[in-house]
């Protein structure tokens, strides 16, 4: 059985970096779908990441594998949805659950705003454990593409409020993923969700009429892996580990500067 690896860090950037290193050093060999004999092999594990200051800076690790523009667009997709022809987005499952498209047609006619419900739960009862969102929809996921090829990786989001030492409410987030590529997906996922946490905290602040702070984040993946073809990336990534933080990390402002976003 693949090992369970637990990583705790201060920011997204430092936690993701440590998670990849531990996966490389402690993970189980993972051939992946396209592996062939004699080529590098990947790694896999069951991963739990805890980010103490989920929205803290610097939150960007320069090792992300897409362009800066694509990373920023992913953040927008988490918050606002996508105009691209996806069968679903995480945003749509959160605010329009049940309203899914297949080949251009609506396959379910109900439409549930889970995010609005979760926020309302916390406004009415700040110690509630019912502020949860489910992103699976077996009515459509299980029939698309045969063996569920479009089943969302993100399965569950849970939100909780707690009081800090200054008696202020802090918003924490918990997520559960079925499987994801550690190199190409997990950093982008966390980066985008950190802005969702900020958005939720802002809405709670308005509705509760008191400041709600952003807090910690726990991320659990049943399967956290990289493929053999990512081994060359990992070799380069590991060599950067001992570099100073300013050479490895960006603040969000620095990312925006890199793409010319005001």
Protein backbone atom coordinates (compact mmCIF):
# COMPACT_ATOMS: atom_id res chain seq x y z
CA UNK A 1 0.00 0.00 0.00
CA UNK A 2 1.22 3.50 -0.75
CA UNK A 3 2.52 5.43 2.27
CA UNK A 4 0.72 8.26 4.04
CA UNK A 5 2.82 11.43 4.12
CA UNK A 6 1.95 14.44 6.28
CA UNK A 7 3.46 17.87 5.61
CA UNK A 8 2.97 21.12 7.54
CA UNK A 9 4.16 24.53 6.35
CA UNK A 10 3.61 28.23 6.83
CA UNK A 11 2.56 29.20 3.28
CA UNK A 12 1.30 27.46 0.16
CA UNK A 13 4.70 27.84 -1.52
CA UNK A 14 6.75 26.30 1.28
CA UNK A 15 4.22 23.53 1.99
CA UNK A 16 3.95 22.47 -1.65
CA UNK A 17 7.73 22.41 -1.97
CA UNK A 18 8.09 20.17 1.09
CA UNK A 19 5.28 17.89 -0.13
CA UNK A 20 6.98 17.30 -3.49
CA UNK A 21 10.31 16.56 -1.82
CA UNK A 22 8.75 14.08 0.61
CA UNK A 23 6.80 12.43 -2.19
CA UNK A 24 10.02 12.01 -4.17
CA UNK A 25 11.95 10.59 -1.20
CA UNK A 26 9.27 8.54 0.54
CA UNK A 27 6.63 7.78 -2.10
CA UNK A 28 5.90 4.41 -3.68
CA UNK A 29 7.03 3.78 -7.27
CA UNK A 30 4.28 4.81 -9.69
CA UNK A 31 4.56 3.83 -13.37
CA UNK A 32 1.60 5.91 -14.50
CA UNK A 33 -0.47 5.32 -17.61
CA UNK A 34 2.25 6.00 -20.16
CA UNK A 35 5.28 4.42 -18.52
CA UNK A 36 7.45 2.06 -20.55
CA UNK A 37 10.22 -0.26 -19.39
CA UNK A 38 13.59 1.44 -19.09
CA UNK A 39 12.21 4.98 -18.61
CA UNK A 40 12.10 6.97 -15.33
CA UNK A 41 9.36 5.99 -12.90
CA UNK A 42 7.11 8.30 -10.92
CA UNK A 43 6.02 8.29 -7.27
CA UNK A 44 2.71 8.20 -5.44
CA UNK A 45 1.39 8.46 -1.87
CA UNK A 46 -1.58 9.39 0.25
CA UNK A 47 -0.80 13.04 1.09
CA UNK A 48 -2.05 15.37 3.82
CA UNK A 49 -0.84 18.98 3.62
CA UNK A 50 -1.50 21.57 6.30
CA UNK A 51 -0.89 25.23 5.42
CA UNK A 52 -0.90 27.36 8.56
CA UNK A 53 -1.41 30.73 6.82
CA UNK A 54 -3.26 29.78 3.64
CA UNK A 55 -3.48 33.30 2.24
CA UNK A 56 -0.09 34.39 3.56
CA UNK A 57 2.71 35.69 1.38
CA UNK A 58 4.77 34.72 -0.44
CA UNK A 59 2.17 32.26 -1.67
CA UNK A 60 3.61 31.59 -5.16
CA UNK A 61 6.32 29.00 -5.77
CA UNK A 62 8.20 29.73 -9.00
CA UNK A 63 8.22 26.02 -9.75
CA UNK A 64 4.62 26.06 -11.03
CA UNK A 65 4.52 24.49 -14.48
CA UNK A 66 2.03 26.65 -16.38
CA UNK A 67 2.49 30.23 -17.53
CA UNK A 68 1.91 33.09 -15.04
CA UNK A 69 -1.11 34.10 -17.15
CA UNK A 70 -2.60 30.60 -16.93
CA UNK A 71 -2.08 30.48 -13.17
CA UNK A 72 -3.90 33.80 -12.76
CA UNK A 73 -6.67 32.60 -15.09
CA UNK A 74 -7.07 29.46 -12.95
CA UNK A 75 -7.64 31.70 -9.94
CA UNK A 76 -10.36 33.49 -11.92
CA UNK A 77 -11.88 30.16 -12.94
CA UNK A 78 -12.17 29.09 -9.28
CA UNK A 79 -13.90 32.35 -8.39
CA UNK A 80 -15.99 33.04 -11.47
CA UNK A 81 -16.14 29.88 -13.57
CA UNK A 82 -14.86 29.41 -17.11
CA UNK A 83 -16.05 30.36 -20.55
CA UNK A 84 -14.24 27.34 -21.98
CA UNK A 85 -16.22 24.25 -22.96
CA UNK A 86 -15.63 22.20 -19.81
CA UNK A 87 -18.32 19.72 -18.79
CA UNK A 88 -18.01 21.24 -15.30
CA UNK A 89 -15.81 23.57 -13.25
CA UNK A 90 -15.21 23.58 -9.51
CA UNK A 91 -17.00 26.93 -9.36
CA UNK A 92 -20.04 25.51 -11.13
CA UNK A 93 -20.20 22.55 -8.75
CA UNK A 94 -20.04 24.94 -5.78
CA UNK A 95 -22.63 27.49 -6.89
CA UNK A 96 -24.66 25.59 -9.53
CA UNK A 97 -24.54 22.00 -8.34
CA UNK A 98 -26.72 19.78 -10.52
CA UNK A 99 -26.60 22.16 -13.50
CA UNK A 100 -24.14 20.13 -15.57
CA UNK A 101 -23.61 20.05 -19.30
CA UNK A 102 -22.94 17.11 -21.58
CA UNK A 103 -22.36 17.72 -25.29
CA UNK A 104 -23.91 21.17 -24.96
CA UNK A 105 -27.10 20.00 -23.24
CA UNK A 106 -28.26 20.47 -19.66
CA UNK A 107 -28.56 16.98 -18.16
CA UNK A 108 -29.94 17.97 -14.75
CA UNK A 109 -32.40 20.80 -14.22
CA UNK A 110 -31.89 21.48 -10.51
CA UNK A 111 -29.44 24.16 -9.44
CA UNK A 112 -28.10 24.34 -5.86
CA UNK A 113 -25.82 27.08 -4.58
CA UNK A 114 -23.83 25.10 -2.02
CA UNK A 115 -21.41 27.96 -1.35
CA UNK A 116 -24.23 30.33 -0.42
CA UNK A 117 -25.68 27.67 1.88
CA UNK A 118 -22.31 27.07 3.57
CA UNK A 119 -21.78 30.78 4.18
CA UNK A 120 -25.31 31.09 5.57
CA UNK A 121 -24.63 28.16 7.93
CA UNK A 122 -21.67 30.01 9.45
CA UNK A 123 -23.50 33.33 9.65
CA UNK A 124 -26.40 31.75 11.54
CA UNK A 125 -24.26 29.44 13.68
CA UNK A 126 -20.52 30.24 13.67
CA UNK A 127 -19.62 26.93 15.36
CA UNK A 128 -21.54 24.92 12.73
CA UNK A 129 -19.97 21.83 11.18
CA UNK A 130 -22.51 21.82 8.35
CA UNK A 131 -20.74 24.32 6.08
CA UNK A 132 -19.78 21.65 3.56
CA UNK A 133 -19.77 21.39 -0.23
CA UNK A 134 -19.74 18.21 -2.29
CA UNK A 135 -18.39 18.39 -5.83
CA UNK A 136 -19.29 14.94 -7.05
CA UNK A 137 -22.47 14.29 -9.01
CA UNK A 138 -22.89 10.56 -9.67
CA UNK A 139 -25.92 11.18 -11.89
CA UNK A 140 -23.63 12.55 -14.58
CA UNK A 141 -20.01 11.83 -13.56
CA UNK A 142 -20.42 8.06 -13.57
CA UNK A 143 -21.73 7.92 -17.14
CA UNK A 144 -19.42 10.35 -18.93
CA UNK A 145 -16.69 8.81 -21.06
CA UNK A 146 -17.18 5.25 -19.88
CA UNK A 147 -15.19 4.69 -16.68
CA UNK A 148 -15.87 8.08 -15.14
CA UNK A 149 -13.15 9.96 -17.01
CA UNK A 150 -14.57 13.34 -15.97
CA UNK A 151 -15.06 12.67 -12.27
CA UNK A 152 -13.82 15.80 -10.43
CA UNK A 153 -10.57 15.40 -8.51
CA UNK A 154 -11.88 17.69 -5.77
CA UNK A 155 -14.57 15.79 -3.87
CA UNK A 156 -15.32 17.78 -0.73
CA UNK A 157 -14.81 21.22 0.82
CA UNK A 158 -15.52 22.01 4.46
CA UNK A 159 -15.44 25.44 6.12
CA UNK A 160 -15.13 26.19 9.84
CA UNK A 161 -14.84 29.26 12.03
CA UNK A 162 -12.86 29.36 15.25
CA UNK A 163 -11.84 32.11 17.68
CA UNK A 164 -8.17 33.06 17.89
CA UNK A 165 -6.33 34.30 20.99
CA UNK A 166 -7.60 37.82 20.28
CA UNK A 167 -11.19 36.55 20.26
CA UNK A 168 -11.55 37.16 16.51
CA UNK A 169 -13.12 34.64 14.16
CA UNK A 170 -10.73 32.83 11.80
CA UNK A 171 -11.93 30.94 8.72
CA UNK A 172 -10.33 27.52 8.06
CA UNK A 173 -10.81 25.31 5.00
CA UNK A 174 -10.54 21.54 4.53
CA UNK A 175 -10.49 19.76 1.15
CA UNK A 176 -10.50 16.12 0.05
CA UNK A 177 -9.24 15.06 -3.38
CA UNK A 178 -9.55 11.63 -5.01
CA UNK A 179 -6.33 11.96 -7.05
CA UNK A 180 -4.16 14.67 -8.56
CA UNK A 181 -0.83 15.28 -10.20
CA UNK A 182 1.45 16.80 -7.58
CA UNK A 183 3.55 18.67 -10.15
CA UNK A 184 1.00 20.04 -12.59
CA UNK A 185 -2.19 20.39 -10.54
CA UNK A 186 -1.80 20.61 -6.77
CA UNK A 187 -0.07 23.99 -6.55
CA UNK A 188 -2.56 25.62 -8.93
CA UNK A 189 -5.44 24.08 -6.94
CA UNK A 190 -4.23 25.53 -3.65
CA UNK A 191 -3.38 28.90 -5.16
CA UNK A 192 -6.88 29.26 -6.61
CA UNK A 193 -8.63 28.06 -3.46
CA UNK A 194 -6.73 30.56 -1.31
CA UNK A 195 -8.52 33.35 -3.16
CA UNK A 196 -11.81 31.55 -2.63
CA UNK A 197 -11.05 31.58 1.10
CA UNK A 198 -10.43 35.34 0.92
CA UNK A 199 -13.71 35.83 -0.94
CA UNK A 200 -15.67 33.78 1.61
CA UNK A 201 -14.04 35.62 4.53
CA UNK A 202 -15.01 38.93 2.92
CA UNK A 203 -18.65 37.83 2.51
CA UNK A 204 -18.76 36.59 6.10
CA UNK A 205 -17.32 39.90 7.31
CA UNK A 206 -20.14 41.78 5.61
CA UNK A 207 -22.92 39.47 6.75
CA UNK A 208 -21.68 38.97 10.32
CA UNK A 209 -20.73 42.65 10.70
CA UNK A 210 -17.32 41.81 12.16
CA UNK A 211 -13.92 41.09 10.66
CA UNK A 212 -13.37 37.44 9.68
CA UNK A 213 -9.71 36.54 9.24
CA UNK A 214 -8.31 33.93 6.85
CA UNK A 215 -6.69 30.98 8.56
CA UNK A 216 -5.38 27.48 7.95
CA UNK A 217 -5.99 24.94 5.22
CA UNK A 218 -5.84 21.14 5.27
CA UNK A 219 -5.58 19.29 1.97
CA UNK A 220 -5.96 15.50 1.74
CA UNK A 221 -5.31 13.54 -1.47
CA UNK A 222 -6.13 9.84 -1.67
CA UNK A 223 -3.59 9.63 -4.48
CA UNK A 224 -0.86 12.30 -4.82
CA UNK A 225 1.57 11.46 -7.59
CA UNK A 226 3.88 12.46 -10.37
CA UNK A 227 4.44 10.49 -13.55
CA UNK A 228 7.69 9.13 -14.90
CA UNK A 229 7.83 11.90 -17.50
CA UNK A 230 7.90 14.41 -14.63
CA UNK A 231 11.11 12.93 -13.21
CA UNK A 232 13.27 15.44 -15.08
CA UNK A 233 11.25 18.29 -13.55
CA UNK A 234 11.69 16.75 -10.11
CA UNK A 235 15.46 16.49 -10.51
CA UNK A 236 15.64 20.20 -11.32
CA UNK A 237 13.15 21.06 -8.56
CA UNK A 238 15.19 19.27 -5.90
CA UNK A 239 18.34 21.15 -6.91
CA UNK A 240 16.57 24.44 -6.15
CA UNK A 241 15.60 23.44 -2.59
CA UNK A 242 18.59 25.02 -0.83
CA UNK A 243 18.23 28.35 -2.61
CA UNK A 244 17.12 31.43 -0.62
CA UNK A 245 13.37 31.99 -0.40
CA UNK A 246 13.49 35.15 -2.51
CA UNK A 247 14.89 33.09 -5.40
CA UNK A 248 12.18 30.42 -5.15
CA UNK A 249 9.03 32.31 -4.17
CA UNK A 250 6.93 35.21 -5.45
CA UNK A 251 4.33 37.26 -3.67
CA UNK A 252 0.99 37.61 -5.41
CA UNK A 253 1.96 41.18 -6.27
CA UNK A 254 5.12 39.92 -8.00
CA UNK A 255 3.07 37.40 -10.00
CA UNK A 256 0.74 40.19 -11.11
CA UNK A 257 3.72 42.31 -12.09
CA UNK A 258 5.04 39.43 -14.19
CA UNK A 259 1.81 39.29 -16.22
CA UNK A 260 1.17 43.04 -16.24
CA UNK A 261 -2.08 42.77 -14.26
CA UNK A 262 -3.07 45.88 -12.34
